[in-house]
Amino acid sequence: MLVSRDAKSLRFLLLTLAIAIAAASRAAAAGFVHSPNFIILTPPKPSEEAAAAFAKNLLTKAEQYRKEIALEWLGEELPPSIGQVMINVRFTENGDSGLTWAKDHADRKLHAMYLATAPEQLPEGLLAHEMAHCVLATKYPFPKRLPAWLDEGIASRYDDAERVAIRQRIAGWYVSTGQWPRLAGVLAADKVHSDDQEAYTLAATLTDFLLSRGDKRLLLRFGQATQDVGLDRALTDCYGIKSVAELESLWRAWISRPAR
């Protein structure tokens, strides 16, 4: 999930805080590791070695996803240190969750990512989802961000099988009952709430539908065009779709197509 905040009155000192917290918590065996692209803080483990291993494994995966997602969507890696991310981990037994606070003001130097997960696992799907937000926010910084639904739709392509299955069930329910939602609300929303599975389903399936009509570069160009010329004009210019009403009709037909 991606969030944005007004940070005009805030001094963003996460790097200094990270170093101070890491030094203070060494006795508690918390994990701390950094690179040109990431600063990672993880909770205490039974030993300093276990905490260090968890943090280093997370760093390795974060670097991997940063590279792979940028290559897949942008055609090139992000330069080192551009779009640095502070990753804060919290251990919980109540299921994985994540949130990314993308840089949205000149005074802020880092994206902030928050992950909640069980201490015995590394949530790779969740990490990849949140990393997609960071990569896209770095390429398309505030105030020229991609629309919220598209940002979430792209990030959702990296979700784990359980989250994908939830969206498949919701989409199947639309088809079987004929109770279709309207797209206008999610297309105009400033953000997609983490507990709104219907909105995530709309964002993900609409993203997949548009990708069935063009490549990733066209989709990103469309997302930027919606900010410059409006949604209807962007649909026409990029996909030959005349209006949101036509988009909704085509999207419903695409979801309803026979399984292949």
C-alpha atoms as a PDB file:
ATOM      1  CA  MET A   1       0.000   0.000   0.000  1.00  0.00           C
ATOM      2  CA  LEU A   2       1.210   3.511  -0.843  1.00  0.00           C
ATOM      3  CA  VAL A   3       0.478   6.615   1.251  1.00  0.00           C
ATOM      4  CA  SER A   4       1.406  10.255   0.823  1.00  0.00           C
ATOM      5  CA  ARG A   5       1.567  12.979   3.459  1.00  0.00           C
ATOM      6  CA  ASP A   6       2.154  16.721   3.620  1.00  0.00           C
ATOM      7  CA  ALA A   7       5.631  17.014   5.126  1.00  0.00           C
ATOM      8  CA  LYS A   8       6.235  20.750   4.796  1.00  0.00           C
ATOM      9  CA  SER A   9       6.773  21.228   8.539  1.00  0.00           C
ATOM     10  CA  LEU A  10       8.714  18.014   9.151  1.00  0.00           C
ATOM     11  CA  ARG A  11      12.466  17.505   9.283  1.00  0.00           C
ATOM     12  CA  PHE A  12      13.111  14.108   7.800  1.00  0.00           C
ATOM     13  CA  LEU A  13      16.005  12.708   9.874  1.00  0.00           C
ATOM     14  CA  LEU A  14      15.479   8.977   9.436  1.00  0.00           C
ATOM     15  CA  LEU A  15      19.095   8.247   8.649  1.00  0.00           C
ATOM     16  CA  THR A  16      20.327   9.835  11.884  1.00  0.00           C
ATOM     17  CA  LEU A  17      17.580   8.111  13.853  1.00  0.00           C
ATOM     18  CA  ALA A  18      18.364   4.769  12.244  1.00  0.00           C
ATOM     19  CA  ILE A  19      21.990   4.921  13.265  1.00  0.00           C
ATOM     20  CA  ALA A  20      21.097   6.014  16.801  1.00  0.00           C
ATOM     21  CA  ILE A  21      18.455   3.316  17.223  1.00  0.00           C
ATOM     22  CA  ALA A  22      20.747   0.655  15.841  1.00  0.00           C
ATOM     23  CA  ALA A  23      23.542   1.617  18.214  1.00  0.00           C
ATOM     24  CA  ALA A  24      21.224   1.754  21.215  1.00  0.00           C
ATOM     25  CA  SER A  25      19.588  -1.587  20.448  1.00  0.00           C
ATOM     26  CA  ARG A  26      22.700  -3.628  19.718  1.00  0.00           C
ATOM     27  CA  ALA A  27      22.451  -5.282  23.103  1.00  0.00           C
ATOM     28  CA  ALA A  28      18.893  -6.359  22.260  1.00  0.00           C
ATOM     29  CA  ALA A  29      20.140  -7.993  19.040  1.00  0.00           C
ATOM     30  CA  ALA A  30      18.093  -5.828  16.677  1.00  0.00           C
ATOM     31  CA  GLY A  31      19.111  -5.887  13.046  1.00  0.00           C
ATOM     32  CA  PHE A  32      20.609  -2.933  11.212  1.00  0.00           C
ATOM     33  CA  VAL A  33      22.142  -2.879   7.753  1.00  0.00           C
ATOM     34  CA  HIS A  34      22.509  -0.287   5.027  1.00  0.00           C
ATOM     35  CA  SER A  35      23.661   0.194   1.451  1.00  0.00           C
ATOM     36  CA  PRO A  36      23.610   3.124  -0.994  1.00  0.00           C
ATOM     37  CA  ASN A  37      19.976   2.249  -1.720  1.00  0.00           C
ATOM     38  CA  PHE A  38      18.561   1.083   1.633  1.00  0.00           C
ATOM     39  CA  ILE A  39      18.615   1.569   5.395  1.00  0.00           C
ATOM     40  CA  ILE A  40      17.030  -1.403   7.149  1.00  0.00           C
ATOM     41  CA  LEU A  41      15.970  -1.757  10.775  1.00  0.00           C
ATOM     42  CA  THR A  42      14.582  -5.068  12.062  1.00  0.00           C
ATOM     43  CA  PRO A  43      13.363  -6.084  15.548  1.00  0.00           C
ATOM     44  CA  PRO A  44      15.392  -8.118  18.046  1.00  0.00           C
ATOM     45  CA  LYS A  45      16.118 -11.769  17.387  1.00  0.00           C
ATOM     46  CA  PRO A  46      17.344 -14.393  19.888  1.00  0.00           C
ATOM     47  CA  SER A  47      20.930 -13.564  18.972  1.00  0.00           C
ATOM     48  CA  GLU A  48      22.835 -10.756  17.312  1.00  0.00           C
ATOM     49  CA  GLU A  49      23.862 -13.203  14.581  1.00  0.00           C
ATOM     50  CA  ALA A  50      20.240 -14.130  13.816  1.00  0.00           C
ATOM     51  CA  ALA A  51      19.203 -10.463  13.702  1.00  0.00           C
ATOM     52  CA  ALA A  52      22.076  -9.602  11.379  1.00  0.00           C
ATOM     53  CA  ALA A  53      21.267 -12.544   9.107  1.00  0.00           C
ATOM     54  CA  PHE A  54      17.592 -11.528   8.834  1.00  0.00           C
ATOM     55  CA  ALA A  55      18.490  -7.902   8.054  1.00  0.00           C
ATOM     56  CA  LYS A  56      21.102  -8.909   5.469  1.00  0.00           C
ATOM     57  CA  ASN A  57      18.689 -11.316   3.789  1.00  0.00           C
ATOM     58  CA  LEU A  58      16.101  -8.545   3.606  1.00  0.00           C
ATOM     59  CA  LEU A  59      18.675  -6.190   2.106  1.00  0.00           C
ATOM     60  CA  THR A  60      19.642  -8.760  -0.539  1.00  0.00           C
ATOM     61  CA  LYS A  61      16.010  -9.265  -1.544  1.00  0.00           C
ATOM     62  CA  ALA A  62      15.302  -5.522  -1.535  1.00  0.00           C
ATOM     63  CA  GLU A  63      18.257  -4.880  -3.851  1.00  0.00           C
ATOM     64  CA  GLN A  64      17.107  -7.728  -6.107  1.00  0.00           C
ATOM     65  CA  TYR A  65      13.541  -6.419  -6.408  1.00  0.00           C
ATOM     66  CA  ARG A  66      14.707  -2.834  -6.896  1.00  0.00           C
ATOM     67  CA  LYS A  67      16.749  -3.951  -9.885  1.00  0.00           C
ATOM     68  CA  GLU A  68      14.259  -6.415 -11.365  1.00  0.00           C
ATOM     69  CA  ILE A  69      11.207  -4.142 -11.099  1.00  0.00           C
ATOM     70  CA  ALA A  70      13.039  -1.158 -12.563  1.00  0.00           C
ATOM     71  CA  LEU A  71      14.288  -3.238 -15.490  1.00  0.00           C
ATOM     72  CA  GLU A  72      10.856  -4.730 -16.087  1.00  0.00           C
ATOM     73  CA  TRP A  73       8.938  -1.451 -16.075  1.00  0.00           C
ATOM     74  CA  LEU A  74      11.457   1.263 -16.872  1.00  0.00           C
ATOM     75  CA  GLY A  75      13.864  -0.647 -19.087  1.00  0.00           C
ATOM     76  CA  GLU A  76      16.842   0.338 -16.951  1.00  0.00           C
ATOM     77  CA  GLU A  77      18.040   0.204 -13.351  1.00  0.00           C
ATOM     78  CA  LEU A  78      17.633   3.158 -11.050  1.00  0.00           C
ATOM     79  CA  PRO A  79      20.942   4.935 -10.418  1.00  0.00           C
ATOM     80  CA  PRO A  80      22.600   4.085  -7.079  1.00  0.00           C
ATOM     81  CA  SER A  81      21.322   6.157  -4.144  1.00  0.00           C
ATOM     82  CA  ILE A  82      18.481   7.644  -6.217  1.00  0.00           C
ATOM     83  CA  GLY A  83      15.228   6.886  -4.422  1.00  0.00           C
ATOM     84  CA  GLN A  84      16.780   5.605  -1.190  1.00  0.00           C
ATOM     85  CA  VAL A  85      14.401   3.645   1.031  1.00  0.00           C
ATOM     86  CA  MET A  86      14.254   3.318   4.812  1.00  0.00           C
ATOM     87  CA  ILE A  87      12.723  -0.089   5.641  1.00  0.00           C
ATOM     88  CA  ASN A  88      11.306  -0.598   9.141  1.00  0.00           C
ATOM     89  CA  VAL A  89      10.238  -4.122  10.118  1.00  0.00           C
ATOM     90  CA  ARG A  90       7.858  -5.096  12.904  1.00  0.00           C
ATOM     91  CA  PHE A  91       7.298  -8.707  13.945  1.00  0.00           C
ATOM     92  CA  THR A  92       3.715  -9.907  14.357  1.00  0.00           C
ATOM     93  CA  GLU A  93       1.732 -13.142  14.270  1.00  0.00           C
ATOM     94  CA  ASN A  94      -1.368 -11.416  12.852  1.00  0.00           C
ATOM     95  CA  GLY A  95      -0.529 -11.667   9.163  1.00  0.00           C
ATOM     96  CA  ASP A  96       1.690  -9.713   6.806  1.00  0.00           C
ATOM     97  CA  SER A  97       1.037  -6.063   6.017  1.00  0.00           C
ATOM     98  CA  GLY A  98       2.974  -3.280   4.387  1.00  0.00           C
ATOM     99  CA  LEU A  99       2.878   0.447   3.763  1.00  0.00           C
ATOM    100  CA  THR A 100       5.072   2.790   1.743  1.00  0.00           C
ATOM    101  CA  TRP A 101       5.288   6.503   2.420  1.00  0.00           C
ATOM    102  CA  ALA A 102       6.804   7.817  -0.786  1.00  0.00           C
ATOM    103  CA  LYS A 103       8.905  10.968  -0.833  1.00  0.00           C
ATOM    104  CA  ASP A 104       6.460  13.824  -1.399  1.00  0.00           C
ATOM    105  CA  HIS A 105       8.375  16.957  -0.427  1.00  0.00           C
ATOM    106  CA  ALA A 106      11.764  18.447  -1.249  1.00  0.00           C
ATOM    107  CA  ASP A 107      12.804  18.371   2.433  1.00  0.00           C
ATOM    108  CA  ARG A 108      12.425  14.578   2.578  1.00  0.00           C
ATOM    109  CA  LYS A 109      15.343  12.560   1.276  1.00  0.00           C
ATOM    110  CA  LEU A 110      14.078   8.983   1.611  1.00  0.00           C
ATOM    111  CA  HIS A 111      11.063   6.837   0.876  1.00  0.00           C
ATOM    112  CA  ALA A 112       9.835   5.054   4.021  1.00  0.00           C
ATOM    113  CA  MET A 113       8.607   1.457   3.945  1.00  0.00           C
ATOM    114  CA  TYR A 114       6.967  -0.354   6.857  1.00  0.00           C
ATOM    115  CA  LEU A 115       6.636  -4.138   6.900  1.00  0.00           C
ATOM    116  CA  ALA A 116       4.869  -6.290   9.493  1.00  0.00           C
ATOM    117  CA  THR A 117       5.575 -10.011   9.304  1.00  0.00           C
ATOM    118  CA  ALA A 118       6.237 -13.134  11.337  1.00  0.00           C
ATOM    119  CA  PRO A 119       9.769 -13.350  12.759  1.00  0.00           C
ATOM    120  CA  GLU A 120      10.510 -16.676  11.084  1.00  0.00           C
ATOM    121  CA  GLN A 121       9.836 -15.592   7.512  1.00  0.00           C
ATOM    122  CA  LEU A 122      10.712 -13.011   4.892  1.00  0.00           C
ATOM    123  CA  PRO A 123       7.549 -11.756   3.117  1.00  0.00           C
ATOM    124  CA  GLU A 124       8.893 -11.696  -0.429  1.00  0.00           C
ATOM    125  CA  GLY A 125       5.581 -10.919  -2.155  1.00  0.00           C
ATOM    126  CA  LEU A 126       4.865  -8.078   0.256  1.00  0.00           C
ATOM    127  CA  LEU A 127       8.394  -6.711  -0.116  1.00  0.00           C
ATOM    128  CA  ALA A 128       8.156  -6.799  -3.923  1.00  0.00           C
ATOM    129  CA  HIS A 129       4.750  -5.057  -3.809  1.00  0.00           C
ATOM    130  CA  GLU A 130       6.075  -2.222  -1.653  1.00  0.00           C
ATOM    131  CA  MET A 131       9.281  -2.012  -3.685  1.00  0.00           C
ATOM    132  CA  ALA A 132       7.219  -1.468  -6.834  1.00  0.00           C
ATOM    133  CA  HIS A 133       5.751   1.616  -5.135  1.00  0.00           C
ATOM    134  CA  CYS A 134       9.245   2.899  -4.355  1.00  0.00           C
ATOM    135  CA  VAL A 135      10.535   2.331  -7.891  1.00  0.00           C
ATOM    136  CA  LEU A 136       7.521   4.051  -9.466  1.00  0.00           C
ATOM    137  CA  ALA A 137       7.647   6.932  -6.973  1.00  0.00           C
ATOM    138  CA  THR A 138      11.313   7.451  -7.828  1.00  0.00           C
ATOM    139  CA  LYS A 139      10.685   7.499 -11.577  1.00  0.00           C
ATOM    140  CA  TYR A 140       7.512   9.587 -11.275  1.00  0.00           C
ATOM    141  CA  PRO A 141       8.034  11.804  -8.211  1.00  0.00           C
ATOM    142  CA  PHE A 142       5.474  14.027  -6.511  1.00  0.00           C
ATOM    143  CA  PRO A 143       3.536  15.920  -7.824  1.00  0.00           C
ATOM    144  CA  LYS A 144       3.639  13.905 -11.097  1.00  0.00           C
ATOM    145  CA  ARG A 145       2.810  10.556  -9.505  1.00  0.00           C
ATOM    146  CA  LEU A 146       0.909   7.847 -11.331  1.00  0.00           C
ATOM    147  CA  PRO A 147      -2.799   7.609 -10.459  1.00  0.00           C
ATOM    148  CA  ALA A 148      -3.322   5.719  -7.196  1.00  0.00           C
ATOM    149  CA  TRP A 149      -5.267   2.882  -8.832  1.00  0.00           C
ATOM    150  CA  LEU A 150      -2.540   2.306 -11.415  1.00  0.00           C
ATOM    151  CA  ASP A 151       0.242   2.463  -8.835  1.00  0.00           C
ATOM    152  CA  GLU A 152      -1.570  -0.176  -6.772  1.00  0.00           C
ATOM    153  CA  GLY A 153      -2.500  -2.190  -9.844  1.00  0.00           C
ATOM    154  CA  ILE A 154       1.136  -2.488 -10.890  1.00  0.00           C
ATOM    155  CA  ALA A 155       2.314  -3.259  -7.345  1.00  0.00           C
ATOM    156  CA  SER A 156      -0.404  -5.916  -6.998  1.00  0.00           C
ATOM    157  CA  ARG A 157       1.184  -7.911  -9.805  1.00  0.00           C
ATOM    158  CA  TYR A 158       3.850  -8.917  -7.267  1.00  0.00           C
ATOM    159  CA  ASP A 159       1.447 -10.092  -4.564  1.00  0.00           C
ATOM    160  CA  ASP A 160       1.509 -13.588  -3.104  1.00  0.00           C
ATOM    161  CA  ALA A 161      -0.884 -16.333  -4.196  1.00  0.00           C
ATOM    162  CA  GLU A 162      -3.276 -15.746  -1.284  1.00  0.00           C
ATOM    163  CA  ARG A 163      -3.908 -12.108  -2.214  1.00  0.00           C
ATOM    164  CA  VAL A 164      -4.252 -12.969  -5.899  1.00  0.00           C
ATOM    165  CA  ALA A 165      -6.822 -15.656  -5.023  1.00  0.00           C
ATOM    166  CA  ILE A 166      -8.909 -13.125  -3.063  1.00  0.00           C
ATOM    167  CA  ARG A 167      -9.118 -10.877  -6.111  1.00  0.00           C
ATOM    168  CA  GLN A 168      -9.957 -13.799  -8.365  1.00  0.00           C
ATOM    169  CA  ARG A 169     -12.870 -14.732  -6.101  1.00  0.00           C
ATOM    170  CA  ILE A 170     -14.166 -11.178  -6.104  1.00  0.00           C
ATOM    171  CA  ALA A 171     -13.912 -10.903  -9.898  1.00  0.00           C
ATOM    172  CA  GLY A 172     -15.639 -14.282 -10.250  1.00  0.00           C
ATOM    173  CA  TRP A 173     -18.459 -13.030  -8.061  1.00  0.00           C
ATOM    174  CA  TYR A 174     -18.981 -10.051 -10.382  1.00  0.00           C
ATOM    175  CA  VAL A 175     -19.280 -12.387 -13.354  1.00  0.00           C
ATOM    176  CA  SER A 176     -21.568 -14.929 -11.689  1.00  0.00           C
ATOM    177  CA  THR A 177     -23.950 -12.415 -10.096  1.00  0.00           C
ATOM    178  CA  GLY A 178     -23.835  -9.598 -12.624  1.00  0.00           C
ATOM    179  CA  GLN A 179     -23.349  -7.140  -9.749  1.00  0.00           C
ATOM    180  CA  TRP A 180     -20.631  -5.077 -11.354  1.00  0.00           C
ATOM    181  CA  PRO A 181     -19.083  -2.099  -9.555  1.00  0.00           C
ATOM    182  CA  ARG A 182     -18.565   1.202 -11.297  1.00  0.00           C
ATOM    183  CA  LEU A 183     -14.987   2.098 -12.176  1.00  0.00           C
ATOM    184  CA  ALA A 184     -15.384   5.860 -11.763  1.00  0.00           C
ATOM    185  CA  GLY A 185     -14.843   5.838  -8.000  1.00  0.00           C
ATOM    186  CA  VAL A 186     -11.542   3.976  -7.983  1.00  0.00           C
ATOM    187  CA  LEU A 187     -10.290   5.865 -11.066  1.00  0.00           C
ATOM    188  CA  ALA A 188     -10.771   9.179  -9.274  1.00  0.00           C
ATOM    189  CA  ALA A 189      -9.522   8.104  -5.815  1.00  0.00           C
ATOM    190  CA  ASP A 190      -6.417   9.698  -4.321  1.00  0.00           C
ATOM    191  CA  LYS A 191      -5.493   6.422  -2.637  1.00  0.00           C
ATOM    192  CA  VAL A 192      -6.566   2.802  -2.356  1.00  0.00           C
ATOM    193  CA  HIS A 193      -7.249   1.783   1.247  1.00  0.00           C
ATOM    194  CA  SER A 194      -5.446  -1.339   2.425  1.00  0.00           C
ATOM    195  CA  ASP A 195      -8.649  -3.000   3.672  1.00  0.00           C
ATOM    196  CA  ASP A 196     -10.669  -2.299   0.510  1.00  0.00           C
ATOM    197  CA  GLN A 197     -10.284  -5.576  -1.368  1.00  0.00           C
ATOM    198  CA  GLU A 198     -12.834  -4.549  -3.988  1.00  0.00           C
ATOM    199  CA  ALA A 199     -10.800  -1.458  -4.884  1.00  0.00           C
ATOM    200  CA  TYR A 200      -7.652  -3.582  -5.115  1.00  0.00           C
ATOM    201  CA  THR A 201      -9.505  -6.003  -7.379  1.00  0.00           C
ATOM    202  CA  LEU A 202     -10.608  -3.185  -9.659  1.00  0.00           C
ATOM    203  CA  ALA A 203      -7.116  -1.683  -9.751  1.00  0.00           C
ATOM    204  CA  ALA A 204      -5.421  -5.023 -10.431  1.00  0.00           C
ATOM    205  CA  THR A 205      -7.851  -6.298 -13.060  1.00  0.00           C
ATOM    206  CA  LEU A 206      -8.020  -2.947 -14.846  1.00  0.00           C
ATOM    207  CA  THR A 207      -4.220  -2.843 -14.965  1.00  0.00           C
ATOM    208  CA  ASP A 208      -4.148  -6.377 -16.384  1.00  0.00           C
ATOM    209  CA  PHE A 209      -6.831  -5.490 -18.928  1.00  0.00           C
ATOM    210  CA  LEU A 210      -4.883  -2.500 -20.231  1.00  0.00           C
ATOM    211  CA  LEU A 211      -1.729  -4.607 -20.402  1.00  0.00           C
ATOM    212  CA  SER A 212      -3.666  -7.010 -22.634  1.00  0.00           C
ATOM    213  CA  ARG A 213      -4.030  -4.109 -25.106  1.00  0.00           C
ATOM    214  CA  GLY A 214      -0.455  -2.799 -25.007  1.00  0.00           C
ATOM    215  CA  ASP A 215       2.907  -3.102 -23.303  1.00  0.00           C
ATOM    216  CA  LYS A 216       4.193  -1.750 -19.992  1.00  0.00           C
ATOM    217  CA  ARG A 217       5.696   1.384 -21.547  1.00  0.00           C
ATOM    218  CA  LEU A 218       2.314   2.306 -23.037  1.00  0.00           C
ATOM    219  CA  LEU A 219       0.625   1.742 -19.688  1.00  0.00           C
ATOM    220  CA  LEU A 220       3.055   4.084 -17.925  1.00  0.00           C
ATOM    221  CA  ARG A 221       2.661   6.661 -20.682  1.00  0.00           C
ATOM    222  CA  PHE A 222      -1.102   6.413 -20.248  1.00  0.00           C
ATOM    223  CA  GLY A 223      -0.779   6.907 -16.489  1.00  0.00           C
ATOM    224  CA  GLN A 224       1.243  10.081 -16.990  1.00  0.00           C
ATOM    225  CA  ALA A 225      -1.115  11.313 -19.711  1.00  0.00           C
ATOM    226  CA  THR A 226      -4.099  11.090 -17.375  1.00  0.00           C
ATOM    227  CA  GLN A 227      -2.408  13.749 -15.236  1.00  0.00           C
ATOM    228  CA  ASP A 228      -1.643  15.990 -18.230  1.00  0.00           C
ATOM    229  CA  VAL A 229      -4.694  15.755 -20.509  1.00  0.00           C
ATOM    230  CA  GLY A 230      -7.324  13.967 -18.422  1.00  0.00           C
ATOM    231  CA  LEU A 231      -8.563  10.397 -18.340  1.00  0.00           C
ATOM    232  CA  ASP A 232     -10.847  10.412 -21.386  1.00  0.00           C
ATOM    233  CA  ARG A 233      -8.259  12.021 -23.683  1.00  0.00           C
ATOM    234  CA  ALA A 234      -5.534   9.672 -22.386  1.00  0.00           C
ATOM    235  CA  LEU A 235      -7.756   6.632 -23.050  1.00  0.00           C
ATOM    236  CA  THR A 236      -8.383   7.786 -26.611  1.00  0.00           C
ATOM    237  CA  ASP A 237      -4.772   8.701 -27.360  1.00  0.00           C
ATOM    238  CA  CYS A 238      -3.223   5.573 -25.860  1.00  0.00           C
ATOM    239  CA  TYR A 239      -5.827   2.844 -26.348  1.00  0.00           C
ATOM    240  CA  GLY A 240      -8.412   4.162 -28.787  1.00  0.00           C
ATOM    241  CA  ILE A 241     -11.068   3.956 -26.041  1.00  0.00           C
ATOM    242  CA  LYS A 242     -13.446   6.897 -26.237  1.00  0.00           C
ATOM    243  CA  SER A 243     -14.645   7.193 -22.641  1.00  0.00           C
ATOM    244  CA  VAL A 244     -14.702   5.685 -19.155  1.00  0.00           C
ATOM    245  CA  ALA A 245     -18.073   4.149 -20.023  1.00  0.00           C
ATOM    246  CA  GLU A 246     -16.524   2.301 -22.969  1.00  0.00           C
ATOM    247  CA  LEU A 247     -13.550   1.293 -20.797  1.00  0.00           C
ATOM    248  CA  GLU A 248     -15.928  -0.178 -18.230  1.00  0.00           C
ATOM    249  CA  SER A 249     -17.808  -2.142 -20.895  1.00  0.00           C
ATOM    250  CA  LEU A 250     -14.608  -3.547 -22.393  1.00  0.00           C
ATOM    251  CA  TRP A 251     -13.209  -4.358 -18.936  1.00  0.00           C
ATOM    252  CA  ARG A 252     -16.340  -6.304 -17.976  1.00  0.00           C
ATOM    253  CA  ALA A 253     -16.223  -8.284 -21.221  1.00  0.00           C
ATOM    254  CA  TRP A 254     -12.541  -9.058 -20.658  1.00  0.00           C
ATOM    255  CA  ILE A 255     -13.121 -10.338 -17.121  1.00  0.00           C
ATOM    256  CA  SER A 256     -16.091 -12.396 -18.318  1.00  0.00           C
ATOM    257  CA  ARG A 257     -14.181 -14.104 -21.129  1.00  0.00           C
ATOM    258  CA  PRO A 258     -13.990 -17.931 -20.909  1.00  0.00           C
ATOM    259  CA  ALA A 259     -11.038 -19.312 -18.978  1.00  0.00           C
ATOM    260  CA  ARG A 260      -8.121 -20.279 -21.205  1.00  0.00           C
END
